[in-house]
Amino acid sequence: MQFVSFVLDDTQKTWTQILSSEGVPYRHAKLVLFRDSINSACGMAQSATGPFYCPEDEKVYIDLGFFDELKQRFGAPGEFSEAYVLAHEIGHHIQKLTGIEQKVHAAQERDPRSANQLSVRVELQADCFAGVWGHSTSERNLLEPGEVQQGLNAAAAVGDDRLQRMSRGHVNPDSFTHGSSQQRMEWFQKGYSSGDMNAVQHLCPVSPEAPRHYQRVPACAKLQTLPPCAADAFVGNIKMFPTATLPGWPFAHNPRRQDSLNTFSMEIQWFVCALPLVKA
């Protein structure tokens, strides 16, 4: 577990620097290793649950047998595969600290039908955050040849489509909660390729009137790659629209245009726009 401890320490040092540069204090998450089952602040978890982050107690839970399963059952060996898993869970901690997790949870409660879709976007963003950390390790010459591919293999190994095919023999995209193998690889790669660590706490501003933030949004959440969203006149009543519905979505290219706000609430919940696009 020495390597896991190193990754935990390194990811948290990295994100401490990122958030502190934007004036956001970083609280260290704790790592809990267990076997078979454990009672967390988010409820009872078993080994079949897989690694998870509990926002209630800000702890990452990993069953000691999971990494063996990652190698043997899912065919994703290598230390960086393990690093990806932990960095992804720390990505959820970043979402908690920056307010994304709370806003998404509130949106899911308001519209339960969108719960899975929002869950997928949250997971893909956490994959992107894992890639951002991976980029930092590359810049410090900590990676060996082939280790990035290990991370990509791990991302693909835990895609919803692959897991469903293994357990059920068929795939139901409507029931995805984490994203497909291809999506998970793509969003990890986005974070790794860009390594853009600026303005993390501004991924989800609650007001559209924050011009400088949109000049420095990380690749994990660039607006032009994200689904258009809008809110009606009732504050907090979030509605999602398919891309074809709003082909002229103005903020995708120019977030500063105030004239384009006339048909939208001034309380648009931008956090939805800060989450990765789920392909149909």
C-alpha atoms as a PDB file:
ATOM      1  CA  MET A   1       0.000   0.000   0.000  1.00  0.00           C
ATOM      2  CA  GLN A   2       3.049   2.275  -0.068  1.00  0.00           C
ATOM      3  CA  PHE A   3       2.316   3.268  -3.660  1.00  0.00           C
ATOM      4  CA  VAL A   4      -1.321   4.071  -2.850  1.00  0.00           C
ATOM      5  CA  SER A   5      -0.159   6.276   0.019  1.00  0.00           C
ATOM      6  CA  PHE A   6       2.217   8.087  -2.309  1.00  0.00           C
ATOM      7  CA  VAL A   7      -0.521   8.725  -4.872  1.00  0.00           C
ATOM      8  CA  LEU A   8      -2.925   9.963  -2.206  1.00  0.00           C
ATOM      9  CA  ASP A   9      -0.317  12.364  -0.866  1.00  0.00           C
ATOM     10  CA  ASP A  10       0.745  13.549  -4.317  1.00  0.00           C
ATOM     11  CA  THR A  11      -2.774  14.150  -5.658  1.00  0.00           C
ATOM     12  CA  GLN A  12      -3.665  16.144  -2.578  1.00  0.00           C
ATOM     13  CA  LYS A  13      -0.506  18.240  -2.748  1.00  0.00           C
ATOM     14  CA  THR A  14      -1.263  18.943  -6.404  1.00  0.00           C
ATOM     15  CA  TRP A  15      -4.845  20.007  -5.766  1.00  0.00           C
ATOM     16  CA  THR A  16      -3.818  22.040  -2.727  1.00  0.00           C
ATOM     17  CA  GLN A  17      -1.647  24.133  -5.045  1.00  0.00           C
ATOM     18  CA  ILE A  18      -4.374  24.407  -7.675  1.00  0.00           C
ATOM     19  CA  LEU A  19      -7.099  25.513  -5.310  1.00  0.00           C
ATOM     20  CA  SER A  20      -4.931  27.750  -3.154  1.00  0.00           C
ATOM     21  CA  SER A  21      -3.929  29.712  -6.240  1.00  0.00           C
ATOM     22  CA  GLU A  22      -7.613  30.539  -6.638  1.00  0.00           C
ATOM     23  CA  GLY A  23      -8.222  31.294  -2.969  1.00  0.00           C
ATOM     24  CA  VAL A  24     -10.032  28.046  -2.150  1.00  0.00           C
ATOM     25  CA  PRO A  25      -8.789  26.200   0.943  1.00  0.00           C
ATOM     26  CA  TYR A  26      -8.124  22.518   0.435  1.00  0.00           C
ATOM     27  CA  ARG A  27      -9.243  20.022   3.062  1.00  0.00           C
ATOM     28  CA  HIS A  28      -7.446  16.721   2.873  1.00  0.00           C
ATOM     29  CA  ALA A  29      -9.568  13.704   2.135  1.00  0.00           C
ATOM     30  CA  LYS A  30      -8.882  10.545   4.101  1.00  0.00           C
ATOM     31  CA  LEU A  31      -8.340   7.098   2.628  1.00  0.00           C
ATOM     32  CA  VAL A  32     -10.100   4.110   4.175  1.00  0.00           C
ATOM     33  CA  LEU A  33      -8.973   0.641   3.149  1.00  0.00           C
ATOM     34  CA  PHE A  34     -11.273  -2.238   4.012  1.00  0.00           C
ATOM     35  CA  ARG A  35     -12.113  -5.850   3.247  1.00  0.00           C
ATOM     36  CA  ASP A  36     -15.539  -7.241   2.368  1.00  0.00           C
ATOM     37  CA  SER A  37     -17.706  -4.489   3.874  1.00  0.00           C
ATOM     38  CA  ILE A  38     -17.639  -1.260   5.847  1.00  0.00           C
ATOM     39  CA  ASN A  39     -20.082   1.236   7.277  1.00  0.00           C
ATOM     40  CA  SER A  40     -19.440   4.733   5.923  1.00  0.00           C
ATOM     41  CA  ALA A  41     -21.226   8.028   6.480  1.00  0.00           C
ATOM     42  CA  CYS A  42     -22.891   7.339   3.119  1.00  0.00           C
ATOM     43  CA  GLY A  43     -24.155   3.945   4.252  1.00  0.00           C
ATOM     44  CA  MET A  44     -22.996   0.343   4.236  1.00  0.00           C
ATOM     45  CA  ALA A  45     -20.615  -0.555   1.407  1.00  0.00           C
ATOM     46  CA  GLN A  46     -19.464  -3.950   0.245  1.00  0.00           C
ATOM     47  CA  SER A  47     -16.547  -5.020  -1.914  1.00  0.00           C
ATOM     48  CA  ALA A  48     -18.917  -5.275  -4.885  1.00  0.00           C
ATOM     49  CA  THR A  49     -19.583  -1.550  -4.551  1.00  0.00           C
ATOM     50  CA  GLY A  50     -16.117  -0.751  -5.830  1.00  0.00           C
ATOM     51  CA  PRO A  51     -14.044   2.273  -4.797  1.00  0.00           C
ATOM     52  CA  PHE A  52     -16.106   5.322  -3.879  1.00  0.00           C
ATOM     53  CA  TYR A  53     -15.904   8.769  -2.355  1.00  0.00           C
ATOM     54  CA  CYS A  54     -18.312   9.709   0.419  1.00  0.00           C
ATOM     55  CA  PRO A  55     -18.954  13.473   0.486  1.00  0.00           C
ATOM     56  CA  GLU A  56     -20.539  13.229   3.928  1.00  0.00           C
ATOM     57  CA  ASP A  57     -17.270  12.313   5.648  1.00  0.00           C
ATOM     58  CA  GLU A  58     -14.880  13.323   2.834  1.00  0.00           C
ATOM     59  CA  LYS A  59     -13.265   9.898   2.716  1.00  0.00           C
ATOM     60  CA  VAL A  60     -12.236   7.632  -0.150  1.00  0.00           C
ATOM     61  CA  TYR A  61     -13.119   3.971   0.415  1.00  0.00           C
ATOM     62  CA  ILE A  62     -11.271   1.197  -1.393  1.00  0.00           C
ATOM     63  CA  ASP A  63     -11.618  -2.519  -0.797  1.00  0.00           C
ATOM     64  CA  LEU A  64      -8.197  -4.139  -0.506  1.00  0.00           C
ATOM     65  CA  GLY A  65      -9.143  -6.770  -3.078  1.00  0.00           C
ATOM     66  CA  PHE A  66     -10.186  -4.283  -5.752  1.00  0.00           C
ATOM     67  CA  PHE A  67      -6.773  -3.722  -7.295  1.00  0.00           C
ATOM     68  CA  ASP A  68      -6.302  -7.487  -7.685  1.00  0.00           C
ATOM     69  CA  GLU A  69      -9.683  -7.607  -9.382  1.00  0.00           C
ATOM     70  CA  LEU A  70      -8.680  -4.707 -11.618  1.00  0.00           C
ATOM     71  CA  LYS A  71      -5.701  -6.714 -12.826  1.00  0.00           C
ATOM     72  CA  GLN A  72      -7.177 -10.187 -13.012  1.00  0.00           C
ATOM     73  CA  ARG A  73     -10.840  -9.715 -13.885  1.00  0.00           C
ATOM     74  CA  PHE A  74     -10.760  -6.456 -15.797  1.00  0.00           C
ATOM     75  CA  GLY A  75      -7.360  -6.858 -17.432  1.00  0.00           C
ATOM     76  CA  ALA A  76      -5.936  -3.512 -16.304  1.00  0.00           C
ATOM     77  CA  PRO A  77      -2.624  -4.209 -14.545  1.00  0.00           C
ATOM     78  CA  GLY A  78       0.018  -1.691 -13.564  1.00  0.00           C
ATOM     79  CA  GLU A  79       0.592   0.820 -10.823  1.00  0.00           C
ATOM     80  CA  PHE A  80      -0.783   3.714 -12.823  1.00  0.00           C
ATOM     81  CA  SER A  81      -4.079   1.849 -13.148  1.00  0.00           C
ATOM     82  CA  GLU A  82      -4.278   1.986  -9.369  1.00  0.00           C
ATOM     83  CA  ALA A  83      -3.225   5.633  -9.421  1.00  0.00           C
ATOM     84  CA  TYR A  84      -6.034   6.455 -11.871  1.00  0.00           C
ATOM     85  CA  VAL A  85      -8.639   4.909  -9.574  1.00  0.00           C
ATOM     86  CA  LEU A  86      -7.494   6.908  -6.563  1.00  0.00           C
ATOM     87  CA  ALA A  87      -7.043  10.141  -8.548  1.00  0.00           C
ATOM     88  CA  HIS A  88     -10.585   9.741  -9.893  1.00  0.00           C
ATOM     89  CA  GLU A  89     -11.985   9.479  -6.376  1.00  0.00           C
ATOM     90  CA  ILE A  90      -9.996  12.531  -5.294  1.00  0.00           C
ATOM     91  CA  GLY A  91     -11.613  14.211  -8.292  1.00  0.00           C
ATOM     92  CA  HIS A  92     -14.948  13.723  -6.528  1.00  0.00           C
ATOM     93  CA  HIS A  93     -13.439  15.391  -3.472  1.00  0.00           C
ATOM     94  CA  ILE A  94     -12.561  18.374  -5.657  1.00  0.00           C
ATOM     95  CA  GLN A  95     -16.180  18.476  -6.791  1.00  0.00           C
ATOM     96  CA  LYS A  96     -17.261  18.553  -3.155  1.00  0.00           C
ATOM     97  CA  LEU A  97     -14.849  21.368  -2.272  1.00  0.00           C
ATOM     98  CA  THR A  98     -15.787  23.473  -5.301  1.00  0.00           C
ATOM     99  CA  GLY A  99     -19.542  23.076  -4.779  1.00  0.00           C
ATOM    100  CA  ILE A 100     -20.212  20.953  -7.848  1.00  0.00           C
ATOM    101  CA  GLU A 101     -21.305  17.895  -5.886  1.00  0.00           C
ATOM    102  CA  GLN A 102     -23.878  19.825  -3.859  1.00  0.00           C
ATOM    103  CA  LYS A 103     -25.403  21.494  -6.912  1.00  0.00           C
ATOM    104  CA  VAL A 104     -25.637  18.259  -8.844  1.00  0.00           C
ATOM    105  CA  HIS A 105     -27.240  16.488  -5.888  1.00  0.00           C
ATOM    106  CA  ALA A 106     -29.825  19.257  -5.633  1.00  0.00           C
ATOM    107  CA  ALA A 107     -30.546  19.011  -9.366  1.00  0.00           C
ATOM    108  CA  GLN A 108     -30.995  15.253  -9.121  1.00  0.00           C
ATOM    109  CA  GLU A 109     -33.496  15.706  -6.321  1.00  0.00           C
ATOM    110  CA  ARG A 110     -35.443  18.278  -8.330  1.00  0.00           C
ATOM    111  CA  ASP A 111     -35.534  16.092 -11.422  1.00  0.00           C
ATOM    112  CA  PRO A 112     -34.974  12.403 -10.604  1.00  0.00           C
ATOM    113  CA  ARG A 113     -35.299  11.514 -14.291  1.00  0.00           C
ATOM    114  CA  SER A 114     -32.012  13.301 -14.976  1.00  0.00           C
ATOM    115  CA  ALA A 115     -30.184  11.591 -12.119  1.00  0.00           C
ATOM    116  CA  ASN A 116     -28.293   9.059 -14.243  1.00  0.00           C
ATOM    117  CA  GLN A 117     -27.345  11.590 -16.896  1.00  0.00           C
ATOM    118  CA  LEU A 118     -25.996  14.007 -14.317  1.00  0.00           C
ATOM    119  CA  SER A 119     -24.195  11.172 -12.550  1.00  0.00           C
ATOM    120  CA  VAL A 120     -22.411  10.253 -15.773  1.00  0.00           C
ATOM    121  CA  ARG A 121     -21.283  13.837 -16.279  1.00  0.00           C
ATOM    122  CA  VAL A 122     -19.965  14.049 -12.734  1.00  0.00           C
ATOM    123  CA  GLU A 123     -18.007  10.823 -13.206  1.00  0.00           C
ATOM    124  CA  LEU A 124     -16.518  11.939 -16.508  1.00  0.00           C
ATOM    125  CA  GLN A 125     -15.437  15.209 -14.958  1.00  0.00           C
ATOM    126  CA  ALA A 126     -13.733  13.264 -12.155  1.00  0.00           C
ATOM    127  CA  ASP A 127     -11.940  11.271 -14.872  1.00  0.00           C
ATOM    128  CA  CYS A 128     -10.796  14.547 -16.384  1.00  0.00           C
ATOM    129  CA  PHE A 129      -9.545  15.742 -12.997  1.00  0.00           C
ATOM    130  CA  ALA A 130      -7.602  12.496 -12.683  1.00  0.00           C
ATOM    131  CA  GLY A 131      -6.016  13.290 -16.036  1.00  0.00           C
ATOM    132  CA  VAL A 132      -5.048  16.775 -14.847  1.00  0.00           C
ATOM    133  CA  TRP A 133      -3.159  15.203 -11.968  1.00  0.00           C
ATOM    134  CA  GLY A 134      -1.614  12.701 -14.377  1.00  0.00           C
ATOM    135  CA  HIS A 135      -0.330  15.607 -16.458  1.00  0.00           C
ATOM    136  CA  SER A 136       1.365  17.057 -13.391  1.00  0.00           C
ATOM    137  CA  THR A 137       3.200  13.790 -12.766  1.00  0.00           C
ATOM    138  CA  SER A 138       4.386  13.782 -16.368  1.00  0.00           C
ATOM    139  CA  GLU A 139       5.720  17.315 -16.026  1.00  0.00           C
ATOM    140  CA  ARG A 140       7.721  16.179 -12.991  1.00  0.00           C
ATOM    141  CA  ASN A 141       9.089  13.178 -14.886  1.00  0.00           C
ATOM    142  CA  LEU A 142       7.440  10.704 -12.534  1.00  0.00           C
ATOM    143  CA  LEU A 143       5.891   8.551 -15.272  1.00  0.00           C
ATOM    144  CA  GLU A 144       7.503   5.568 -16.907  1.00  0.00           C
ATOM    145  CA  PRO A 145       6.850   4.750 -20.583  1.00  0.00           C
ATOM    146  CA  GLY A 146       3.485   3.069 -20.982  1.00  0.00           C
ATOM    147  CA  GLU A 147       2.023   4.208 -17.679  1.00  0.00           C
ATOM    148  CA  VAL A 148      -0.416   6.668 -19.239  1.00  0.00           C
ATOM    149  CA  GLN A 149      -1.782   3.791 -21.289  1.00  0.00           C
ATOM    150  CA  GLN A 150      -2.263   1.884 -18.038  1.00  0.00           C
ATOM    151  CA  GLY A 151      -4.491   4.700 -16.836  1.00  0.00           C
ATOM    152  CA  LEU A 152      -6.462   4.689 -20.086  1.00  0.00           C
ATOM    153  CA  ASN A 153      -6.851   0.911 -19.850  1.00  0.00           C
ATOM    154  CA  ALA A 154      -8.190   1.239 -16.316  1.00  0.00           C
ATOM    155  CA  ALA A 155     -10.660   3.914 -17.433  1.00  0.00           C
ATOM    156  CA  ALA A 156     -11.871   1.644 -20.216  1.00  0.00           C
ATOM    157  CA  ALA A 157     -12.042  -1.362 -17.901  1.00  0.00           C
ATOM    158  CA  VAL A 158     -14.625   0.296 -15.642  1.00  0.00           C
ATOM    159  CA  GLY A 159     -16.835   1.755 -18.374  1.00  0.00           C
ATOM    160  CA  ASP A 160     -20.528   1.064 -17.893  1.00  0.00           C
ATOM    161  CA  ASP A 161     -20.876  -0.648 -21.257  1.00  0.00           C
ATOM    162  CA  ARG A 162     -18.060  -3.085 -20.518  1.00  0.00           C
ATOM    163  CA  LEU A 163     -19.276  -3.834 -17.003  1.00  0.00           C
ATOM    164  CA  GLN A 164     -22.845  -4.386 -18.201  1.00  0.00           C
ATOM    165  CA  ARG A 165     -21.716  -6.633 -21.018  1.00  0.00           C
ATOM    166  CA  MET A 166     -19.682  -8.707 -18.574  1.00  0.00           C
ATOM    167  CA  SER A 167     -22.467  -9.023 -15.994  1.00  0.00           C
ATOM    168  CA  ARG A 168     -25.641  -9.031 -18.136  1.00  0.00           C
ATOM    169  CA  GLY A 169     -24.532  -9.900 -21.626  1.00  0.00           C
ATOM    170  CA  HIS A 170     -26.088  -6.731 -23.053  1.00  0.00           C
ATOM    171  CA  VAL A 171     -25.792  -2.959 -22.729  1.00  0.00           C
ATOM    172  CA  ASN A 172     -28.429  -0.411 -21.694  1.00  0.00           C
ATOM    173  CA  PRO A 173     -27.052   3.140 -22.109  1.00  0.00           C
ATOM    174  CA  ASP A 174     -30.057   4.638 -20.310  1.00  0.00           C
ATOM    175  CA  SER A 175     -28.882   2.989 -17.106  1.00  0.00           C
ATOM    176  CA  PHE A 176     -25.302   4.270 -17.320  1.00  0.00           C
ATOM    177  CA  THR A 177     -24.105   6.061 -14.189  1.00  0.00           C
ATOM    178  CA  HIS A 178     -20.383   6.448 -14.950  1.00  0.00           C
ATOM    179  CA  GLY A 179     -20.051   6.618 -18.729  1.00  0.00           C
ATOM    180  CA  SER A 180     -18.910   4.260 -21.445  1.00  0.00           C
ATOM    181  CA  SER A 181     -15.361   2.974 -21.779  1.00  0.00           C
ATOM    182  CA  GLN A 182     -14.740   5.343 -24.679  1.00  0.00           C
ATOM    183  CA  GLN A 183     -16.088   8.341 -22.788  1.00  0.00           C
ATOM    184  CA  ARG A 184     -14.031   7.599 -19.713  1.00  0.00           C
ATOM    185  CA  MET A 185     -10.846   7.277 -21.737  1.00  0.00           C
ATOM    186  CA  GLU A 186     -11.621  10.464 -23.657  1.00  0.00           C
ATOM    187  CA  TRP A 187     -12.164  12.563 -20.546  1.00  0.00           C
ATOM    188  CA  PHE A 188      -9.102  11.222 -18.770  1.00  0.00           C
ATOM    189  CA  GLN A 189      -7.121  12.014 -21.914  1.00  0.00           C
ATOM    190  CA  LYS A 190      -8.565  15.550 -22.075  1.00  0.00           C
ATOM    191  CA  GLY A 191      -7.292  16.288 -18.592  1.00  0.00           C
ATOM    192  CA  TYR A 192      -3.949  14.634 -19.217  1.00  0.00           C
ATOM    193  CA  SER A 193      -3.339  16.370 -22.539  1.00  0.00           C
ATOM    194  CA  SER A 194      -4.180  19.861 -21.335  1.00  0.00           C
ATOM    195  CA  GLY A 195      -3.093  19.836 -17.698  1.00  0.00           C
ATOM    196  CA  ASP A 196      -4.981  23.107 -17.370  1.00  0.00           C
ATOM    197  CA  MET A 197      -5.199  23.595 -13.614  1.00  0.00           C
ATOM    198  CA  ASN A 198      -6.516  27.162 -13.454  1.00  0.00           C
ATOM    199  CA  ALA A 199      -9.826  28.438 -12.108  1.00  0.00           C
ATOM    200  CA  VAL A 200     -10.950  25.090 -10.731  1.00  0.00           C
ATOM    201  CA  GLN A 201     -13.376  26.589  -8.255  1.00  0.00           C
ATOM    202  CA  HIS A 202     -14.966  28.574 -11.091  1.00  0.00           C
ATOM    203  CA  LEU A 203     -16.000  25.509 -13.055  1.00  0.00           C
ATOM    204  CA  CYS A 204     -19.498  26.040 -11.764  1.00  0.00           C
ATOM    205  CA  PRO A 205     -20.259  29.709 -11.120  1.00  0.00           C
ATOM    206  CA  VAL A 206     -23.913  30.183 -10.177  1.00  0.00           C
ATOM    207  CA  SER A 207     -24.143  33.463 -12.036  1.00  0.00           C
ATOM    208  CA  PRO A 208     -23.402  34.094 -15.713  1.00  0.00           C
ATOM    209  CA  GLU A 209     -21.809  37.419 -14.798  1.00  0.00           C
ATOM    210  CA  ALA A 210     -18.255  36.253 -14.251  1.00  0.00           C
ATOM    211  CA  PRO A 211     -16.440  37.149 -17.478  1.00  0.00           C
ATOM    212  CA  ARG A 212     -12.877  36.424 -16.393  1.00  0.00           C
ATOM    213  CA  HIS A 213     -13.696  32.904 -15.307  1.00  0.00           C
ATOM    214  CA  TYR A 214     -14.601  31.819 -18.803  1.00  0.00           C
ATOM    215  CA  GLN A 215     -11.211  32.777 -20.121  1.00  0.00           C
ATOM    216  CA  ARG A 216      -9.515  30.286 -17.793  1.00  0.00           C
ATOM    217  CA  VAL A 217     -11.847  27.311 -17.521  1.00  0.00           C
ATOM    218  CA  PRO A 218      -9.926  24.011 -17.606  1.00  0.00           C
ATOM    219  CA  ALA A 219     -10.279  21.641 -20.531  1.00  0.00           C
ATOM    220  CA  CYS A 220     -12.374  19.473 -18.234  1.00  0.00           C
ATOM    221  CA  ALA A 221     -15.176  21.968 -18.597  1.00  0.00           C
ATOM    222  CA  LYS A 222     -14.737  24.155 -21.672  1.00  0.00           C
ATOM    223  CA  LEU A 223     -18.133  25.422 -22.693  1.00  0.00           C
ATOM    224  CA  GLN A 224     -17.794  24.719 -26.397  1.00  0.00           C
ATOM    225  CA  THR A 225     -17.586  20.994 -25.678  1.00  0.00           C
ATOM    226  CA  LEU A 226     -20.523  20.925 -23.311  1.00  0.00           C
ATOM    227  CA  PRO A 227     -24.262  20.449 -23.683  1.00  0.00           C
ATOM    228  CA  PRO A 228     -26.291  23.643 -23.894  1.00  0.00           C
ATOM    229  CA  CYS A 229     -28.421  24.299 -20.881  1.00  0.00           C
ATOM    230  CA  ALA A 230     -30.871  26.939 -19.803  1.00  0.00           C
ATOM    231  CA  ALA A 231     -33.163  27.829 -16.940  1.00  0.00           C
ATOM    232  CA  ASP A 232     -36.648  29.186 -17.266  1.00  0.00           C
ATOM    233  CA  ALA A 233     -37.991  32.170 -15.359  1.00  0.00           C
ATOM    234  CA  PHE A 234     -38.331  30.099 -12.215  1.00  0.00           C
ATOM    235  CA  VAL A 235     -35.018  30.113 -10.412  1.00  0.00           C
ATOM    236  CA  GLY A 236     -33.567  26.656  -9.887  1.00  0.00           C
ATOM    237  CA  ASN A 237     -35.899  24.914 -12.324  1.00  0.00           C
ATOM    238  CA  ILE A 238     -33.180  23.483 -14.512  1.00  0.00           C
ATOM    239  CA  LYS A 239     -33.982  22.155 -17.950  1.00  0.00           C
ATOM    240  CA  MET A 240     -31.616  20.258 -20.192  1.00  0.00           C
ATOM    241  CA  PHE A 241     -31.875  20.537 -23.967  1.00  0.00           C
ATOM    242  CA  PRO A 242     -30.317  18.331 -26.614  1.00  0.00           C
ATOM    243  CA  THR A 243     -27.703  20.017 -28.763  1.00  0.00           C
ATOM    244  CA  ALA A 244     -29.997  20.149 -31.795  1.00  0.00           C
ATOM    245  CA  THR A 245     -32.607  22.084 -29.834  1.00  0.00           C
ATOM    246  CA  LEU A 246     -30.466  25.175 -29.408  1.00  0.00           C
ATOM    247  CA  PRO A 247     -28.068  25.246 -32.357  1.00  0.00           C
ATOM    248  CA  GLY A 248     -27.260  28.890 -31.746  1.00  0.00           C
ATOM    249  CA  TRP A 249     -26.390  28.537 -28.080  1.00  0.00           C
ATOM    250  CA  PRO A 250     -24.569  31.858 -27.623  1.00  0.00           C
ATOM    251  CA  PHE A 251     -22.368  31.136 -24.631  1.00  0.00           C
ATOM    252  CA  ALA A 252     -20.592  28.287 -26.370  1.00  0.00           C
ATOM    253  CA  HIS A 253     -18.564  30.915 -28.194  1.00  0.00           C
ATOM    254  CA  ASN A 254     -18.942  34.144 -26.274  1.00  0.00           C
ATOM    255  CA  PRO A 255     -19.903  33.895 -22.587  1.00  0.00           C
ATOM    256  CA  ARG A 256     -19.671  37.666 -22.156  1.00  0.00           C
ATOM    257  CA  ARG A 257     -22.587  38.546 -24.426  1.00  0.00           C
ATOM    258  CA  GLN A 258     -25.186  40.023 -22.118  1.00  0.00           C
ATOM    259  CA  ASP A 259     -27.736  40.518 -24.896  1.00  0.00           C
ATOM    260  CA  SER A 260     -28.009  36.764 -25.224  1.00  0.00           C
ATOM    261  CA  LEU A 261     -29.314  36.489 -21.684  1.00  0.00           C
ATOM    262  CA  ASN A 262     -32.689  37.974 -22.501  1.00  0.00           C
ATOM    263  CA  THR A 263     -34.465  34.623 -22.791  1.00  0.00           C
ATOM    264  CA  PHE A 264     -32.758  33.024 -19.836  1.00  0.00           C
ATOM    265  CA  SER A 265     -32.956  33.445 -16.113  1.00  0.00           C
ATOM    266  CA  MET A 266     -30.174  35.513 -14.566  1.00  0.00           C
ATOM    267  CA  GLU A 267     -29.862  32.687 -12.082  1.00  0.00           C
ATOM    268  CA  ILE A 268     -28.762  30.077 -14.622  1.00  0.00           C
ATOM    269  CA  GLN A 269     -27.166  27.179 -12.821  1.00  0.00           C
ATOM    270  CA  TRP A 270     -23.905  27.031 -14.735  1.00  0.00           C
ATOM    271  CA  PHE A 271     -22.770  23.898 -12.991  1.00  0.00           C
ATOM    272  CA  VAL A 272     -24.690  21.834 -15.539  1.00  0.00           C
ATOM    273  CA  CYS A 273     -22.635  23.470 -18.279  1.00  0.00           C
ATOM    274  CA  ALA A 274     -19.474  22.614 -16.399  1.00  0.00           C
ATOM    275  CA  LEU A 275     -20.013  18.910 -16.764  1.00  0.00           C
ATOM    276  CA  PRO A 276     -18.856  16.781 -19.711  1.00  0.00           C
ATOM    277  CA  LEU A 277     -21.082  16.093 -22.662  1.00  0.00           C
ATOM    278  CA  VAL A 278     -22.754  12.695 -22.670  1.00  0.00           C
ATOM    279  CA  LYS A 279     -22.962  11.474 -26.230  1.00  0.00           C
ATOM    280  CA  ALA A 280     -26.241   9.979 -27.370  1.00  0.00           C
END
